[in-house]
């Protein structure tokens, strides 16, 4: 069966869509803000973290995040997906309309079709024919993959996950 994609960019699924949520008593306006705040804390840049909490737009938040002092790409690579998962899990978990939007993509792989981003997106627009073939993507699609995992985790948590057949050789499920 062919893989089905849900493409998004500059959309309600993006990190830049306003959907307030709270983590550890701190309110964030956008998932982008949480990502950059956590990035600043990861590298011990409390001053930038404070500025990020005051920043109102994702553009400001991204600019501050790009200026985090002490940034180390090799460390960021280890933590970035977990940070983005945590922020989006809270965002979609705490905003029912956002959660239902995410659930409406069930059965598909989410793809950030940003022609400008080769890390979080695929480096192609949705209307580029190469976007329909994962092997031809120019980017990693980390945001799409992370949101797909967030969706599956929330579906499971809400009791709406699809039952999957047991793996061969797996112990039978005899219930509680």
Protein backbone atom coordinates (compact mmCIF):
# COMPACT_ATOMS: atom_id res chain seq x y z
CA UNK A 1 0.00 0.00 0.00
CA UNK A 2 1.37 3.42 -0.96
CA UNK A 3 2.20 5.88 1.78
CA UNK A 4 -0.28 8.76 2.06
CA UNK A 5 0.99 12.22 2.97
CA UNK A 6 -0.65 15.25 4.55
CA UNK A 7 1.36 18.26 3.43
CA UNK A 8 1.42 21.48 5.44
CA UNK A 9 3.39 24.71 5.54
CA UNK A 10 2.36 28.07 6.99
CA UNK A 11 -0.68 26.18 8.24
CA UNK A 12 -2.47 25.54 11.53
CA UNK A 13 -0.16 22.53 12.05
CA UNK A 14 2.98 24.67 11.85
CA UNK A 15 5.14 25.71 14.80
CA UNK A 16 4.16 29.32 14.08
CA UNK A 17 0.41 28.84 14.58
CA UNK A 18 -0.79 30.52 17.77
CA UNK A 19 -2.10 27.86 20.15
CA UNK A 20 -1.25 28.68 23.79
CA UNK A 21 -0.26 25.86 26.14
CA UNK A 22 1.37 25.43 29.54
CA UNK A 23 4.41 23.35 30.48
CA UNK A 24 5.66 23.34 34.10
CA UNK A 25 3.56 26.40 34.91
CA UNK A 26 4.96 28.46 32.01
CA UNK A 27 2.58 29.61 29.26
CA UNK A 28 3.79 29.51 25.67
CA UNK A 29 2.01 31.18 22.77
CA UNK A 30 3.47 29.05 19.98
CA UNK A 31 5.32 25.74 19.72
CA UNK A 32 8.15 27.76 18.16
CA UNK A 33 8.45 29.76 21.38
CA UNK A 34 8.70 26.60 23.48
CA UNK A 35 11.29 25.10 21.14
CA UNK A 36 13.52 28.17 21.29
CA UNK A 37 13.01 28.61 25.06
CA UNK A 38 14.01 24.99 25.70
CA UNK A 39 16.98 25.43 23.35
CA UNK A 40 18.16 28.45 25.35
CA UNK A 41 17.83 26.53 28.63
CA UNK A 42 19.62 23.51 27.15
CA UNK A 43 22.66 25.69 26.50
CA UNK A 44 22.43 27.58 29.78
CA UNK A 45 21.42 30.89 28.20
CA UNK A 46 18.91 32.09 30.80
CA UNK A 47 18.99 35.66 29.52
CA UNK A 48 17.76 34.63 26.07
CA UNK A 49 15.24 32.24 27.66
CA UNK A 50 13.75 35.20 29.53
CA UNK A 51 13.61 37.29 26.37
CA UNK A 52 11.88 34.42 24.59
CA UNK A 53 9.07 34.39 27.15
CA UNK A 54 8.46 38.08 26.39
CA UNK A 55 8.65 37.66 22.60
CA UNK A 56 5.20 37.78 21.06
CA UNK A 57 5.73 36.63 17.48
CA UNK A 58 7.24 33.43 16.13
CA UNK A 59 9.56 35.52 13.96
CA UNK A 60 11.00 37.19 17.08
CA UNK A 61 11.13 33.84 18.86
CA UNK A 62 13.02 32.21 16.01
CA UNK A 63 15.50 35.11 15.78
CA UNK A 64 16.22 34.91 19.52
CA UNK A 65 16.59 31.13 19.29
CA UNK A 66 19.16 31.50 16.54
CA UNK A 67 21.21 33.77 18.81
CA UNK A 68 21.41 31.38 21.79
CA UNK A 69 24.83 31.67 23.41
CA UNK A 70 26.82 28.47 23.88
CA UNK A 71 24.95 26.69 21.09
CA UNK A 72 26.53 23.39 20.02
CA UNK A 73 25.01 21.72 16.94
CA UNK A 74 26.10 18.22 18.03
CA UNK A 75 24.24 18.61 21.34
CA UNK A 76 21.20 20.20 19.67
CA UNK A 77 20.89 17.25 17.28
CA UNK A 78 20.55 14.93 20.28
CA UNK A 79 17.76 16.93 21.94
CA UNK A 80 15.85 18.84 19.23
CA UNK A 81 13.24 16.22 18.33
CA UNK A 82 12.45 15.45 21.97
CA UNK A 83 12.01 19.16 22.69
CA UNK A 84 9.71 19.64 19.69
CA UNK A 85 7.76 16.50 20.65
CA UNK A 86 7.23 17.79 24.21
CA UNK A 87 6.06 21.21 23.05
CA UNK A 88 3.67 19.86 20.45
CA UNK A 89 2.37 17.12 22.73
CA UNK A 90 1.38 19.86 25.19
CA UNK A 91 0.06 22.14 22.44
CA UNK A 92 -2.17 19.55 20.79
CA UNK A 93 -3.06 17.89 24.08
CA UNK A 94 -4.29 21.15 25.63
CA UNK A 95 -6.10 22.64 22.61
CA UNK A 96 -9.11 20.51 21.60
CA UNK A 97 -9.55 22.18 18.18
CA UNK A 98 -5.87 21.68 17.39
CA UNK A 99 -6.04 18.07 18.61
CA UNK A 100 -9.02 17.29 16.36
CA UNK A 101 -7.22 18.90 13.41
CA UNK A 102 -4.23 16.67 14.11
CA UNK A 103 -6.48 13.61 14.50
CA UNK A 104 -8.10 14.41 11.13
CA UNK A 105 -4.76 13.49 9.51
CA UNK A 106 -4.93 9.95 10.92
CA UNK A 107 -3.57 7.27 8.62
CA UNK A 108 -1.22 9.68 6.86
CA UNK A 109 2.36 10.79 7.29
CA UNK A 110 2.60 14.48 8.09
CA UNK A 111 5.01 16.38 5.87
CA UNK A 112 6.21 19.94 6.33
CA UNK A 113 6.35 21.00 2.69
CA UNK A 114 8.64 23.96 3.23
CA UNK A 115 10.76 24.65 0.18
CA UNK A 116 13.17 26.60 2.44
CA UNK A 117 13.76 24.12 5.28
CA UNK A 118 15.78 20.97 4.80
CA UNK A 119 15.90 19.97 8.45
CA UNK A 120 12.37 20.37 9.82
CA UNK A 121 10.78 20.23 6.35
CA UNK A 122 11.40 18.40 3.09
CA UNK A 123 12.99 21.26 1.17
CA UNK A 124 10.20 21.07 -1.41
CA UNK A 125 6.77 22.64 -1.81
CA UNK A 126 3.69 20.41 -1.80
CA UNK A 127 3.11 21.06 -5.50
CA UNK A 128 6.58 19.81 -6.46
CA UNK A 129 6.15 16.30 -7.97
CA UNK A 130 9.15 15.07 -5.94
CA UNK A 131 7.21 15.74 -2.71
CA UNK A 132 5.08 12.63 -3.37
CA UNK A 133 8.15 10.37 -3.28
CA UNK A 134 9.95 10.19 0.08
CA UNK A 135 13.17 9.05 -1.63
CA UNK A 136 13.29 12.35 -3.56
CA UNK A 137 12.88 14.68 -0.59
CA UNK A 138 15.68 17.18 -0.12
CA UNK A 139 15.08 17.50 3.63
CA UNK A 140 14.66 15.38 6.75
CA UNK A 141 11.02 16.28 7.57
CA UNK A 142 11.76 16.27 11.31
CA UNK A 143 8.68 18.37 12.12
CA UNK A 144 6.34 16.19 10.07
CA UNK A 145 7.75 13.01 11.61
CA UNK A 146 7.53 14.48 15.11
CA UNK A 147 3.92 15.61 14.63
CA UNK A 148 3.06 12.16 13.28
CA UNK A 149 4.44 10.66 16.53
CA UNK A 150 2.59 13.25 18.63
CA UNK A 151 -0.65 12.34 16.85
CA UNK A 152 -0.16 8.63 17.46
CA UNK A 153 0.69 9.20 21.14
CA UNK A 154 -2.41 11.36 21.67
CA UNK A 155 -4.64 8.90 19.82
CA UNK A 156 -3.35 6.17 22.12
CA UNK A 157 -3.82 8.33 25.21
CA UNK A 158 -7.38 9.20 24.16
CA UNK A 159 -8.23 5.55 23.52
CA UNK A 160 -8.57 6.15 19.79
CA UNK A 161 -5.51 4.28 18.56
CA UNK A 162 -6.05 1.63 15.93
CA UNK A 163 -5.54 -1.94 17.05
CA UNK A 164 -2.54 -3.44 15.33
CA UNK A 165 -2.14 -7.16 14.77
CA UNK A 166 0.32 -8.86 17.07
CA UNK A 167 3.82 -9.42 15.79
CA UNK A 168 4.63 -13.03 14.86
CA UNK A 169 5.87 -14.82 17.94
CA UNK A 170 4.46 -12.22 20.33
CA UNK A 171 2.75 -13.40 23.48
CA UNK A 172 -1.04 -13.39 23.17
CA UNK A 173 -2.93 -10.62 24.95
CA UNK A 174 -5.12 -12.13 27.63
CA UNK A 175 -6.37 -8.82 28.97
CA UNK A 176 -5.95 -7.38 32.45
